[in-house]
Amino acid sequence: MTDPLPAFPESAELVARFDELRGEVDRLVGIRDLTPYGDIDPIRAAQVSTGWRLYYAYMLGVANDRAHEDVPLLLDFAERTPRVVNAIVAQLPPGVGLSAHEGPYAGILRYHLPLRVPVDDPPRLRVGQEHHTWAERRPILIDDTFDHEVHNESTGTRIMLIIDVLRPLNPVLDLLNRTCLRLKRRWSAQMIADANGDI
């Protein structure tokens, strides 16, 4: 777990516009029931968490058409920031956790900006041997290929902005990474559709 700025300097804008971003995400979760991960990717969710709730604003370079209205600031940031791969709103309801697991793809780093965090017994993250307690406005960047898990034992819901960004690599590996991500793009439309909540 690291300070995001050295590897993802563009993230300073997200912190600077925190109140605006949180406002639009509050509106989103007020009108949509975000979809449980178990309904989006049942096989992976069975290993990680079926109750984690997600909304894909931008996935593998493809915009969610609803995001133009739902989260325009977030989508605008994703579309004009070349290193952004995915932009996700994630809810972790009370009592829901993410079991220990490793991210499936090493070509990205995962940025977290906590938008809403319960004050009493706030949710916690473990990455490898490091432990972190979430706090609003305090972003972190993780390498999710390390074993990690999340616990929300509070009575409140944690709401997180997650941005996946290209891992810094030498030019040859960077080209290979971008090519692999373009090939994965064929699944974007289906994943976005599956994750679009009911209005």
N, C-alpha and C. Protein backbone atom coordinates (compact mmCIF):
# COMPACT_ATOMS: atom_id res chain seq x y z
N MET A 1 0.84 -1.18 0.00
CA MET A 1 0.00 0.00 0.00
C MET A 1 0.88 1.23 0.00
N THR A 2 0.60 2.16 -0.89
CA THR A 2 1.46 3.32 -1.02
C THR A 2 0.65 4.58 -1.23
N ASP A 3 1.35 5.71 -1.07
CA ASP A 3 0.79 7.01 -1.45
C ASP A 3 0.59 6.98 -2.97
N PRO A 4 -0.59 7.32 -3.46
CA PRO A 4 -0.84 7.19 -4.90
C PRO A 4 -0.08 8.18 -5.78
N LEU A 5 0.31 9.31 -5.24
CA LEU A 5 0.79 10.39 -6.11
C LEU A 5 2.03 10.04 -6.93
N PRO A 6 3.06 9.39 -6.39
CA PRO A 6 4.23 9.11 -7.22
C PRO A 6 3.91 8.26 -8.46
N ALA A 7 3.06 7.25 -8.33
CA ALA A 7 2.74 6.36 -9.45
C ALA A 7 1.53 6.82 -10.24
N PHE A 8 0.67 7.65 -9.62
CA PHE A 8 -0.58 8.07 -10.26
C PHE A 8 -0.83 9.54 -9.92
N PRO A 9 0.03 10.44 -10.44
CA PRO A 9 -0.08 11.86 -10.06
C PRO A 9 -1.40 12.49 -10.46
N GLU A 10 -2.04 11.95 -11.50
CA GLU A 10 -3.33 12.50 -11.93
C GLU A 10 -4.40 12.40 -10.83
N SER A 11 -4.16 11.50 -9.87
CA SER A 11 -5.15 11.30 -8.81
C SER A 11 -5.32 12.50 -7.90
N ALA A 12 -4.38 13.43 -7.95
CA ALA A 12 -4.52 14.65 -7.14
C ALA A 12 -5.81 15.38 -7.48
N GLU A 13 -6.23 15.30 -8.73
CA GLU A 13 -7.48 15.95 -9.15
C GLU A 13 -8.68 15.32 -8.46
N LEU A 14 -8.66 14.01 -8.26
CA LEU A 14 -9.78 13.34 -7.61
C LEU A 14 -9.93 13.81 -6.16
N VAL A 15 -8.83 13.96 -5.48
CA VAL A 15 -8.88 14.44 -4.09
C VAL A 15 -9.33 15.90 -4.06
N ALA A 16 -8.83 16.70 -5.00
CA ALA A 16 -9.22 18.11 -5.05
C ALA A 16 -10.71 18.28 -5.30
N ARG A 17 -11.32 17.35 -6.02
CA ARG A 17 -12.75 17.43 -6.36
C ARG A 17 -13.56 16.41 -5.56
N PHE A 18 -13.05 16.07 -4.40
CA PHE A 18 -13.67 15.02 -3.58
C PHE A 18 -15.15 15.29 -3.33
N ASP A 19 -15.48 16.50 -2.89
CA ASP A 19 -16.88 16.79 -2.53
C ASP A 19 -17.80 16.65 -3.74
N GLU A 20 -17.35 17.08 -4.91
CA GLU A 20 -18.16 16.95 -6.11
C GLU A 20 -18.36 15.48 -6.48
N LEU A 21 -17.27 14.71 -6.41
CA LEU A 21 -17.35 13.28 -6.75
C LEU A 21 -18.25 12.55 -5.77
N ARG A 22 -18.09 12.84 -4.49
CA ARG A 22 -18.93 12.17 -3.50
C ARG A 22 -20.39 12.53 -3.69
N GLY A 23 -20.65 13.79 -4.05
CA GLY A 23 -22.03 14.20 -4.29
C GLY A 23 -22.67 13.43 -5.43
N GLU A 24 -21.93 13.25 -6.53
CA GLU A 24 -22.55 12.53 -7.65
C GLU A 24 -22.69 11.04 -7.36
N VAL A 25 -21.77 10.47 -6.59
CA VAL A 25 -21.91 9.07 -6.21
C VAL A 25 -23.05 8.89 -5.22
N ASP A 26 -23.23 9.85 -4.30
CA ASP A 26 -24.39 9.79 -3.39
C ASP A 26 -25.69 9.78 -4.19
N ARG A 27 -25.75 10.60 -5.23
CA ARG A 27 -26.96 10.62 -6.07
C ARG A 27 -27.14 9.27 -6.79
N LEU A 28 -26.02 8.72 -7.28
CA LEU A 28 -26.09 7.42 -7.96
C LEU A 28 -26.69 6.35 -7.06
N VAL A 29 -26.14 6.20 -5.85
CA VAL A 29 -26.61 5.13 -4.97
C VAL A 29 -27.99 5.45 -4.41
N GLY A 30 -28.41 6.71 -4.52
CA GLY A 30 -29.76 7.06 -4.11
C GLY A 30 -30.83 6.63 -5.11
N ILE A 31 -30.45 6.48 -6.39
CA ILE A 31 -31.44 6.12 -7.41
C ILE A 31 -31.24 4.72 -7.98
N ARG A 32 -30.07 4.11 -7.73
CA ARG A 32 -29.81 2.78 -8.27
C ARG A 32 -29.43 1.81 -7.15
N ASP A 33 -29.91 0.60 -7.28
CA ASP A 33 -29.42 -0.49 -6.43
C ASP A 33 -28.20 -1.07 -7.14
N LEU A 34 -27.01 -0.80 -6.61
CA LEU A 34 -25.82 -1.34 -7.25
C LEU A 34 -25.87 -2.87 -7.21
N THR A 35 -25.34 -3.48 -8.24
CA THR A 35 -25.51 -4.91 -8.46
C THR A 35 -24.51 -5.73 -7.64
N PRO A 36 -24.98 -6.75 -6.94
CA PRO A 36 -24.05 -7.64 -6.23
C PRO A 36 -23.07 -8.30 -7.19
N TYR A 37 -21.83 -8.42 -6.75
CA TYR A 37 -20.79 -9.03 -7.57
C TYR A 37 -21.18 -10.45 -7.98
N GLY A 38 -21.95 -11.12 -7.12
CA GLY A 38 -22.39 -12.48 -7.45
C GLY A 38 -23.26 -12.55 -8.69
N ASP A 39 -23.92 -11.43 -9.05
CA ASP A 39 -24.74 -11.39 -10.26
C ASP A 39 -23.95 -10.95 -11.49
N ILE A 40 -22.74 -10.44 -11.27
CA ILE A 40 -21.92 -9.95 -12.37
C ILE A 40 -20.94 -11.04 -12.84
N ASP A 41 -20.25 -11.63 -11.89
CA ASP A 41 -19.24 -12.65 -12.19
C ASP A 41 -19.34 -13.74 -11.13
N PRO A 42 -20.32 -14.64 -11.27
CA PRO A 42 -20.59 -15.61 -10.20
C PRO A 42 -19.40 -16.48 -9.81
N ILE A 43 -18.59 -16.86 -10.78
CA ILE A 43 -17.46 -17.75 -10.49
C ILE A 43 -16.42 -17.04 -9.64
N ARG A 44 -16.02 -15.84 -10.06
CA ARG A 44 -15.04 -15.08 -9.30
C ARG A 44 -15.62 -14.64 -7.95
N ALA A 45 -16.90 -14.24 -7.94
CA ALA A 45 -17.53 -13.78 -6.70
C ALA A 45 -17.57 -14.88 -5.65
N ALA A 46 -17.73 -16.12 -6.08
CA ALA A 46 -17.76 -17.23 -5.13
C ALA A 46 -16.44 -17.35 -4.37
N GLN A 47 -15.36 -16.86 -4.98
CA GLN A 47 -14.05 -16.89 -4.33
C GLN A 47 -13.80 -15.64 -3.49
N VAL A 48 -14.45 -14.52 -3.84
CA VAL A 48 -14.12 -13.23 -3.24
C VAL A 48 -15.25 -12.71 -2.36
N SER A 49 -16.40 -12.40 -2.98
CA SER A 49 -17.54 -11.86 -2.22
C SER A 49 -18.75 -11.78 -3.14
N THR A 50 -19.83 -12.42 -2.76
CA THR A 50 -21.05 -12.32 -3.56
C THR A 50 -21.85 -11.07 -3.22
N GLY A 51 -21.59 -10.46 -2.04
CA GLY A 51 -22.37 -9.32 -1.58
C GLY A 51 -21.77 -7.96 -1.85
N TRP A 52 -20.54 -7.91 -2.31
CA TRP A 52 -19.89 -6.66 -2.73
C TRP A 52 -20.69 -6.10 -3.90
N ARG A 53 -21.00 -4.80 -3.91
CA ARG A 53 -21.85 -4.22 -4.94
C ARG A 53 -21.06 -3.24 -5.80
N LEU A 54 -21.24 -3.32 -7.14
CA LEU A 54 -20.39 -2.59 -8.07
C LEU A 54 -21.19 -1.88 -9.15
N TYR A 55 -20.62 -0.77 -9.60
CA TYR A 55 -21.13 -0.02 -10.76
C TYR A 55 -19.92 0.35 -11.60
N TYR A 56 -19.88 -0.15 -12.83
CA TYR A 56 -18.77 0.16 -13.74
C TYR A 56 -19.11 1.41 -14.54
N ALA A 57 -18.42 2.50 -14.26
CA ALA A 57 -18.60 3.71 -15.07
C ALA A 57 -17.79 3.63 -16.35
N TYR A 58 -16.66 2.89 -16.29
CA TYR A 58 -15.72 2.83 -17.41
C TYR A 58 -14.95 1.54 -17.25
N MET A 59 -14.90 0.75 -18.31
CA MET A 59 -14.24 -0.55 -18.19
C MET A 59 -13.43 -0.85 -19.43
N LEU A 60 -12.12 -0.99 -19.23
CA LEU A 60 -11.21 -1.36 -20.31
C LEU A 60 -11.34 -0.41 -21.50
N GLY A 61 -11.53 0.88 -21.20
CA GLY A 61 -11.62 1.89 -22.26
C GLY A 61 -13.00 2.08 -22.83
N VAL A 62 -14.00 1.40 -22.28
CA VAL A 62 -15.38 1.52 -22.77
C VAL A 62 -16.22 2.20 -21.71
N ALA A 63 -16.94 3.27 -22.10
CA ALA A 63 -17.79 4.01 -21.16
C ALA A 63 -19.14 3.33 -21.01
N ASN A 64 -19.65 3.34 -19.80
CA ASN A 64 -21.02 2.96 -19.53
C ASN A 64 -21.91 4.13 -19.98
N ASP A 65 -22.82 3.90 -20.92
CA ASP A 65 -23.65 4.98 -21.44
C ASP A 65 -24.41 5.70 -20.33
N ARG A 66 -24.82 4.96 -19.31
CA ARG A 66 -25.54 5.59 -18.20
C ARG A 66 -24.67 6.54 -17.39
N ALA A 67 -23.36 6.30 -17.41
CA ALA A 67 -22.44 7.10 -16.60
C ALA A 67 -22.39 8.56 -17.04
N HIS A 68 -22.73 8.84 -18.30
CA HIS A 68 -22.75 10.23 -18.75
C HIS A 68 -23.72 11.05 -17.91
N GLU A 69 -24.79 10.41 -17.47
CA GLU A 69 -25.77 11.09 -16.61
C GLU A 69 -25.53 10.80 -15.14
N ASP A 70 -25.15 9.56 -14.82
CA ASP A 70 -25.02 9.15 -13.42
C ASP A 70 -23.81 9.77 -12.72
N VAL A 71 -22.64 9.67 -13.36
CA VAL A 71 -21.38 10.11 -12.73
C VAL A 71 -20.52 10.84 -13.76
N PRO A 72 -20.98 11.99 -14.25
CA PRO A 72 -20.26 12.66 -15.34
C PRO A 72 -18.84 13.09 -14.98
N LEU A 73 -18.61 13.50 -13.74
CA LEU A 73 -17.25 13.91 -13.36
C LEU A 73 -16.29 12.73 -13.39
N LEU A 74 -16.74 11.63 -12.83
CA LEU A 74 -15.91 10.43 -12.82
C LEU A 74 -15.63 9.95 -14.24
N LEU A 75 -16.66 9.91 -15.07
CA LEU A 75 -16.47 9.44 -16.43
C LEU A 75 -15.55 10.37 -17.22
N ASP A 76 -15.71 11.67 -17.04
CA ASP A 76 -14.85 12.63 -17.72
C ASP A 76 -13.38 12.41 -17.34
N PHE A 77 -13.12 12.20 -16.05
CA PHE A 77 -11.75 11.95 -15.61
C PHE A 77 -11.20 10.68 -16.27
N ALA A 78 -12.00 9.62 -16.28
CA ALA A 78 -11.54 8.36 -16.86
C ALA A 78 -11.24 8.50 -18.35
N GLU A 79 -12.10 9.19 -19.07
CA GLU A 79 -11.95 9.27 -20.52
C GLU A 79 -10.78 10.14 -20.94
N ARG A 80 -10.40 11.12 -20.14
CA ARG A 80 -9.31 12.01 -20.56
C ARG A 80 -7.98 11.71 -19.85
N THR A 81 -7.94 10.63 -19.09
CA THR A 81 -6.71 10.24 -18.40
C THR A 81 -6.22 8.94 -19.03
N PRO A 82 -5.21 9.01 -19.87
CA PRO A 82 -4.83 7.84 -20.69
C PRO A 82 -4.49 6.58 -19.90
N ARG A 83 -3.99 6.72 -18.69
CA ARG A 83 -3.56 5.54 -17.93
C ARG A 83 -4.72 4.84 -17.21
N VAL A 84 -5.91 5.44 -17.23
CA VAL A 84 -7.04 4.80 -16.54
C VAL A 84 -7.56 3.62 -17.36
N VAL A 85 -7.71 2.49 -16.70
CA VAL A 85 -8.23 1.27 -17.32
C VAL A 85 -9.70 1.07 -16.94
N ASN A 86 -10.00 1.16 -15.65
CA ASN A 86 -11.36 0.98 -15.15
C ASN A 86 -11.69 2.06 -14.13
N ALA A 87 -12.96 2.45 -14.06
CA ALA A 87 -13.45 3.36 -13.02
C ALA A 87 -14.73 2.75 -12.46
N ILE A 88 -14.72 2.50 -11.16
CA ILE A 88 -15.76 1.69 -10.52
C ILE A 88 -16.23 2.37 -9.24
N VAL A 89 -17.53 2.31 -8.99
CA VAL A 89 -18.08 2.67 -7.69
C VAL A 89 -18.39 1.35 -6.97
N ALA A 90 -17.91 1.22 -5.74
CA ALA A 90 -18.07 -0.03 -5.00
C ALA A 90 -18.69 0.23 -3.63
N GLN A 91 -19.73 -0.55 -3.32
CA GLN A 91 -20.37 -0.52 -2.01
C GLN A 91 -20.02 -1.79 -1.25
N LEU A 92 -19.69 -1.62 0.03
CA LEU A 92 -19.48 -2.78 0.90
C LEU A 92 -20.48 -2.66 2.05
N PRO A 93 -21.61 -3.38 1.97
CA PRO A 93 -22.65 -3.27 2.99
C PRO A 93 -22.18 -3.78 4.35
N PRO A 94 -22.95 -3.46 5.39
CA PRO A 94 -22.59 -3.94 6.74
C PRO A 94 -22.45 -5.45 6.79
N GLY A 95 -21.38 -5.90 7.43
CA GLY A 95 -21.17 -7.33 7.60
C GLY A 95 -20.62 -8.06 6.40
N VAL A 96 -20.42 -7.34 5.30
CA VAL A 96 -19.90 -7.97 4.08
C VAL A 96 -18.39 -7.76 4.02
N GLY A 97 -17.69 -8.77 3.57
CA GLY A 97 -16.24 -8.66 3.42
C GLY A 97 -15.80 -9.23 2.09
N LEU A 98 -14.53 -9.04 1.77
CA LEU A 98 -13.90 -9.68 0.62
C LEU A 98 -12.91 -10.69 1.17
N SER A 99 -13.11 -11.95 0.85
CA SER A 99 -12.21 -13.00 1.33
C SER A 99 -10.81 -12.82 0.76
N ALA A 100 -9.84 -13.39 1.43
CA ALA A 100 -8.46 -13.30 0.96
C ALA A 100 -8.35 -13.83 -0.46
N HIS A 101 -7.75 -13.02 -1.33
CA HIS A 101 -7.63 -13.39 -2.74
C HIS A 101 -6.52 -12.58 -3.37
N GLU A 102 -6.17 -12.92 -4.59
CA GLU A 102 -5.18 -12.19 -5.38
C GLU A 102 -5.82 -11.71 -6.66
N GLY A 103 -5.49 -10.49 -7.08
CA GLY A 103 -6.01 -9.97 -8.35
C GLY A 103 -5.54 -10.83 -9.50
N PRO A 104 -6.37 -10.97 -10.54
CA PRO A 104 -6.05 -11.91 -11.62
C PRO A 104 -5.13 -11.34 -12.70
N TYR A 105 -4.84 -10.02 -12.68
CA TYR A 105 -4.08 -9.44 -13.78
C TYR A 105 -3.02 -8.49 -13.24
N ALA A 106 -1.77 -8.72 -13.60
CA ALA A 106 -0.64 -7.97 -13.03
C ALA A 106 -0.34 -6.66 -13.75
N GLY A 107 -1.09 -6.33 -14.79
CA GLY A 107 -0.78 -5.14 -15.57
C GLY A 107 -1.37 -3.85 -15.05
N ILE A 108 -2.07 -3.92 -13.91
CA ILE A 108 -2.68 -2.71 -13.35
C ILE A 108 -2.30 -2.54 -11.89
N LEU A 109 -2.48 -1.30 -11.41
CA LEU A 109 -2.46 -0.98 -9.98
C LEU A 109 -3.84 -0.44 -9.64
N ARG A 110 -4.26 -0.63 -8.40
CA ARG A 110 -5.64 -0.27 -8.02
C ARG A 110 -5.63 0.89 -7.01
N TYR A 111 -6.26 1.99 -7.42
CA TYR A 111 -6.40 3.20 -6.60
C TYR A 111 -7.74 3.16 -5.88
N HIS A 112 -7.72 3.48 -4.60
CA HIS A 112 -8.95 3.53 -3.80
C HIS A 112 -9.10 4.93 -3.20
N LEU A 113 -10.28 5.53 -3.38
CA LEU A 113 -10.61 6.79 -2.72
C LEU A 113 -11.89 6.56 -1.92
N PRO A 114 -11.79 6.47 -0.58
CA PRO A 114 -12.98 6.23 0.23
C PRO A 114 -13.89 7.47 0.25
N LEU A 115 -15.13 7.28 -0.19
CA LEU A 115 -16.10 8.37 -0.24
C LEU A 115 -16.99 8.41 0.99
N ARG A 116 -17.40 7.24 1.46
CA ARG A 116 -18.21 7.12 2.68
C ARG A 116 -17.66 5.96 3.50
N VAL A 117 -17.29 6.25 4.74
CA VAL A 117 -16.73 5.22 5.62
C VAL A 117 -17.43 5.31 6.98
N PRO A 118 -17.98 4.22 7.47
CA PRO A 118 -18.59 4.24 8.80
C PRO A 118 -17.57 4.68 9.86
N VAL A 119 -18.02 5.52 10.79
CA VAL A 119 -17.12 6.04 11.82
C VAL A 119 -16.85 4.99 12.89
N ASP A 120 -17.89 4.27 13.28
CA ASP A 120 -17.74 3.24 14.31
C ASP A 120 -17.25 1.94 13.69
N ASP A 121 -16.12 1.46 14.17
CA ASP A 121 -15.53 0.22 13.66
C ASP A 121 -15.36 0.27 12.14
N PRO A 122 -14.60 1.24 11.62
CA PRO A 122 -14.49 1.39 10.17
C PRO A 122 -13.87 0.16 9.51
N PRO A 123 -14.26 -0.11 8.26
CA PRO A 123 -13.75 -1.28 7.54
C PRO A 123 -12.22 -1.26 7.42
N ARG A 124 -11.66 -2.46 7.29
CA ARG A 124 -10.21 -2.63 7.27
C ARG A 124 -9.78 -3.43 6.05
N LEU A 125 -8.55 -3.16 5.63
CA LEU A 125 -7.93 -3.83 4.48
C LEU A 125 -6.60 -4.43 4.92
N ARG A 126 -6.34 -5.64 4.44
CA ARG A 126 -5.01 -6.24 4.59
C ARG A 126 -4.47 -6.54 3.21
N VAL A 127 -3.23 -6.12 2.94
CA VAL A 127 -2.53 -6.47 1.71
C VAL A 127 -1.19 -7.08 2.13
N GLY A 128 -1.02 -8.36 1.86
CA GLY A 128 0.19 -9.03 2.34
C GLY A 128 0.23 -8.95 3.86
N GLN A 129 1.30 -8.37 4.40
CA GLN A 129 1.45 -8.21 5.85
C GLN A 129 1.07 -6.82 6.34
N GLU A 130 0.61 -5.97 5.42
CA GLU A 130 0.25 -4.60 5.80
C GLU A 130 -1.25 -4.50 6.08
N HIS A 131 -1.58 -3.67 7.07
CA HIS A 131 -2.97 -3.47 7.46
C HIS A 131 -3.31 -1.99 7.35
N HIS A 132 -4.55 -1.72 6.94
CA HIS A 132 -4.99 -0.34 6.72
C HIS A 132 -6.44 -0.21 7.15
N THR A 133 -6.75 0.88 7.84
CA THR A 133 -8.13 1.19 8.19
C THR A 133 -8.61 2.33 7.30
N TRP A 134 -9.73 2.12 6.63
CA TRP A 134 -10.23 3.12 5.69
C TRP A 134 -10.65 4.39 6.41
N ALA A 135 -10.40 5.54 5.77
CA ALA A 135 -10.86 6.83 6.27
C ALA A 135 -11.22 7.68 5.05
N GLU A 136 -12.29 8.42 5.17
CA GLU A 136 -12.73 9.26 4.05
C GLU A 136 -11.63 10.24 3.64
N ARG A 137 -11.52 10.45 2.33
CA ARG A 137 -10.56 11.39 1.71
C ARG A 137 -9.13 10.90 1.74
N ARG A 138 -8.86 9.72 2.28
CA ARG A 138 -7.48 9.22 2.36
C ARG A 138 -7.28 8.10 1.34
N PRO A 139 -6.80 8.45 0.14
CA PRO A 139 -6.63 7.43 -0.91
C PRO A 139 -5.37 6.60 -0.69
N ILE A 140 -5.41 5.40 -1.24
CA ILE A 140 -4.21 4.56 -1.27
C ILE A 140 -4.15 3.88 -2.63
N LEU A 141 -2.97 3.39 -2.96
CA LEU A 141 -2.75 2.63 -4.18
C LEU A 141 -2.20 1.27 -3.77
N ILE A 142 -2.80 0.20 -4.32
CA ILE A 142 -2.31 -1.13 -3.96
C ILE A 142 -1.98 -1.93 -5.22
N ASP A 143 -1.12 -2.89 -5.02
CA ASP A 143 -0.86 -3.93 -6.02
C ASP A 143 -1.73 -5.10 -5.62
N ASP A 144 -2.86 -5.28 -6.32
CA ASP A 144 -3.81 -6.29 -5.85
C ASP A 144 -3.45 -7.70 -6.28
N THR A 145 -2.27 -7.88 -6.90
CA THR A 145 -1.81 -9.25 -7.14
C THR A 145 -1.27 -9.88 -5.85
N PHE A 146 -1.03 -9.04 -4.81
CA PHE A 146 -0.69 -9.58 -3.50
C PHE A 146 -1.97 -10.07 -2.82
N ASP A 147 -1.84 -11.09 -2.00
CA ASP A 147 -2.98 -11.59 -1.24
C ASP A 147 -3.56 -10.45 -0.39
N HIS A 148 -4.88 -10.25 -0.51
CA HIS A 148 -5.51 -9.16 0.24
C HIS A 148 -6.95 -9.51 0.59
N GLU A 149 -7.47 -8.82 1.60
CA GLU A 149 -8.83 -9.05 2.05
C GLU A 149 -9.37 -7.79 2.70
N VAL A 150 -10.70 -7.69 2.77
CA VAL A 150 -11.37 -6.52 3.35
C VAL A 150 -12.45 -7.02 4.30
N HIS A 151 -12.60 -6.32 5.44
CA HIS A 151 -13.63 -6.65 6.41
C HIS A 151 -14.44 -5.41 6.73
N ASN A 152 -15.76 -5.53 6.69
CA ASN A 152 -16.66 -4.47 7.15
C ASN A 152 -17.54 -5.06 8.24
N GLU A 153 -17.09 -4.91 9.48
CA GLU A 153 -17.84 -5.42 10.62
C GLU A 153 -18.67 -4.33 11.28
N SER A 154 -18.75 -3.18 10.63
CA SER A 154 -19.53 -2.06 11.17
C SER A 154 -21.01 -2.24 10.82
N THR A 155 -21.82 -1.29 11.27
CA THR A 155 -23.24 -1.31 10.93
C THR A 155 -23.55 -0.38 9.76
N GLY A 156 -22.51 0.17 9.14
CA GLY A 156 -22.69 1.10 8.03
C GLY A 156 -22.10 0.57 6.73
N THR A 157 -22.41 1.27 5.64
CA THR A 157 -21.93 0.89 4.31
C THR A 157 -20.71 1.72 3.93
N ARG A 158 -19.69 1.07 3.45
CA ARG A 158 -18.51 1.76 2.91
C ARG A 158 -18.73 1.96 1.42
N ILE A 159 -18.51 3.18 0.93
CA ILE A 159 -18.62 3.48 -0.50
C ILE A 159 -17.25 3.94 -0.99
N MET A 160 -16.76 3.30 -2.04
CA MET A 160 -15.40 3.51 -2.51
C MET A 160 -15.38 3.83 -4.00
N LEU A 161 -14.51 4.75 -4.38
CA LEU A 161 -14.19 4.96 -5.78
C LEU A 161 -12.92 4.16 -6.06
N ILE A 162 -13.00 3.27 -7.05
CA ILE A 162 -11.85 2.44 -7.43
C ILE A 162 -11.46 2.79 -8.85
N ILE A 163 -10.19 3.10 -9.03
CA ILE A 163 -9.65 3.39 -10.36
C ILE A 163 -8.48 2.44 -10.61
N ASP A 164 -8.58 1.63 -11.65
CA ASP A 164 -7.46 0.80 -12.07
C ASP A 164 -6.63 1.57 -13.09
N VAL A 165 -5.32 1.59 -12.87
CA VAL A 165 -4.43 2.33 -13.76
C VAL A 165 -3.34 1.41 -14.28
N LEU A 166 -2.82 1.75 -15.44
CA LEU A 166 -1.73 0.96 -16.02
C LEU A 166 -0.52 0.95 -15.09
N ARG A 167 0.03 -0.22 -14.90
CA ARG A 167 1.25 -0.34 -14.10
C ARG A 167 2.42 0.27 -14.88
N PRO A 168 3.26 1.09 -14.25
CA PRO A 168 4.45 1.62 -14.95
C PRO A 168 5.39 0.48 -15.36
N LEU A 169 5.70 0.42 -16.65
CA LEU A 169 6.54 -0.66 -17.19
C LEU A 169 7.49 -0.08 -18.23
N ASN A 170 8.49 -0.84 -18.61
CA ASN A 170 9.36 -0.39 -19.69
C ASN A 170 8.56 -0.41 -21.00
N PRO A 171 9.03 0.27 -22.05
CA PRO A 171 8.22 0.43 -23.27
C PRO A 171 7.75 -0.87 -23.90
N VAL A 172 8.57 -1.90 -23.89
CA VAL A 172 8.18 -3.17 -24.51
C VAL A 172 7.06 -3.83 -23.72
N LEU A 173 7.23 -3.90 -22.40
CA LEU A 173 6.20 -4.52 -21.57
C LEU A 173 4.93 -3.67 -21.53
N ASP A 174 5.09 -2.36 -21.60
CA ASP A 174 3.92 -1.48 -21.62
C ASP A 174 3.08 -1.75 -22.88
N LEU A 175 3.74 -1.90 -24.02
CA LEU A 175 3.02 -2.20 -25.26
C LEU A 175 2.30 -3.54 -25.15
N LEU A 176 2.97 -4.54 -24.60
CA LEU A 176 2.35 -5.85 -24.42
C LEU A 176 1.14 -5.75 -23.49
N ASN A 177 1.29 -5.00 -22.40
CA ASN A 177 0.20 -4.82 -21.44
C ASN A 177 -1.02 -4.17 -22.10
N ARG A 178 -0.78 -3.10 -22.84
CA ARG A 178 -1.89 -2.41 -23.50
C ARG A 178 -2.57 -3.31 -24.54
N THR A 179 -1.79 -4.13 -25.23
CA THR A 179 -2.36 -5.05 -26.21
C THR A 179 -3.25 -6.08 -25.52
N CYS A 180 -2.78 -6.63 -24.41
CA CYS A 180 -3.58 -7.61 -23.67
C CYS A 180 -4.88 -6.99 -23.18
N LEU A 181 -4.82 -5.76 -22.69
CA LEU A 181 -6.04 -5.10 -22.20
C LEU A 181 -7.01 -4.81 -23.34
N ARG A 182 -6.50 -4.46 -24.51
CA ARG A 182 -7.39 -4.25 -25.66
C ARG A 182 -8.11 -5.54 -26.04
N LEU A 183 -7.40 -6.66 -25.93
CA LEU A 183 -8.03 -7.95 -26.24
C LEU A 183 -9.13 -8.30 -25.24
N LYS A 184 -8.94 -7.87 -24.00
CA LYS A 184 -9.94 -8.15 -22.97
C LYS A 184 -11.17 -7.25 -23.13
N ARG A 185 -11.07 -6.21 -23.94
CA ARG A 185 -12.14 -5.22 -24.07
C ARG A 185 -13.44 -5.83 -24.60
N ARG A 186 -13.37 -6.97 -25.28
CA ARG A 186 -14.57 -7.57 -25.84
C ARG A 186 -15.59 -7.94 -24.77
N TRP A 187 -15.14 -8.06 -23.51
CA TRP A 187 -16.07 -8.39 -22.43
C TRP A 187 -16.64 -7.15 -21.75
N SER A 188 -16.18 -5.96 -22.11
CA SER A 188 -16.57 -4.75 -21.39
C SER A 188 -18.08 -4.52 -21.43
N ALA A 189 -18.67 -4.58 -22.62
CA ALA A 189 -20.09 -4.25 -22.75
C ALA A 189 -20.95 -5.17 -21.89
N GLN A 190 -20.62 -6.47 -21.86
CA GLN A 190 -21.42 -7.40 -21.07
C GLN A 190 -21.25 -7.15 -19.58
N MET A 191 -20.02 -6.90 -19.14
CA MET A 191 -19.79 -6.63 -17.72
C MET A 191 -20.50 -5.36 -17.28
N ILE A 192 -20.44 -4.31 -18.12
CA ILE A 192 -21.13 -3.06 -17.80
C ILE A 192 -22.63 -3.29 -17.70
N ALA A 193 -23.18 -4.03 -18.67
CA ALA A 193 -24.62 -4.30 -18.66
C ALA A 193 -25.02 -5.08 -17.41
N ASP A 194 -24.22 -6.08 -17.04
CA ASP A 194 -24.54 -6.88 -15.86
C ASP A 194 -24.48 -6.07 -14.58
N ALA A 195 -23.60 -5.06 -14.57
CA ALA A 195 -23.42 -4.26 -13.35
C ALA A 195 -24.32 -3.04 -13.27
N ASN A 196 -25.09 -2.75 -14.33
CA ASN A 196 -25.98 -1.59 -14.28
C ASN A 196 -27.14 -1.88 -13.33
N GLY A 197 -27.25 -1.07 -12.30
CA GLY A 197 -28.30 -1.29 -11.30
C GLY A 197 -29.68 -0.93 -11.83
N ASP A 198 -30.70 -1.38 -11.16
CA ASP A 198 -32.07 -1.06 -11.51
C ASP A 198 -32.36 0.37 -11.10
N ILE A 199 -33.06 1.10 -11.96
CA ILE A 199 -33.40 2.49 -11.65
C ILE A 199 -34.76 2.52 -10.97
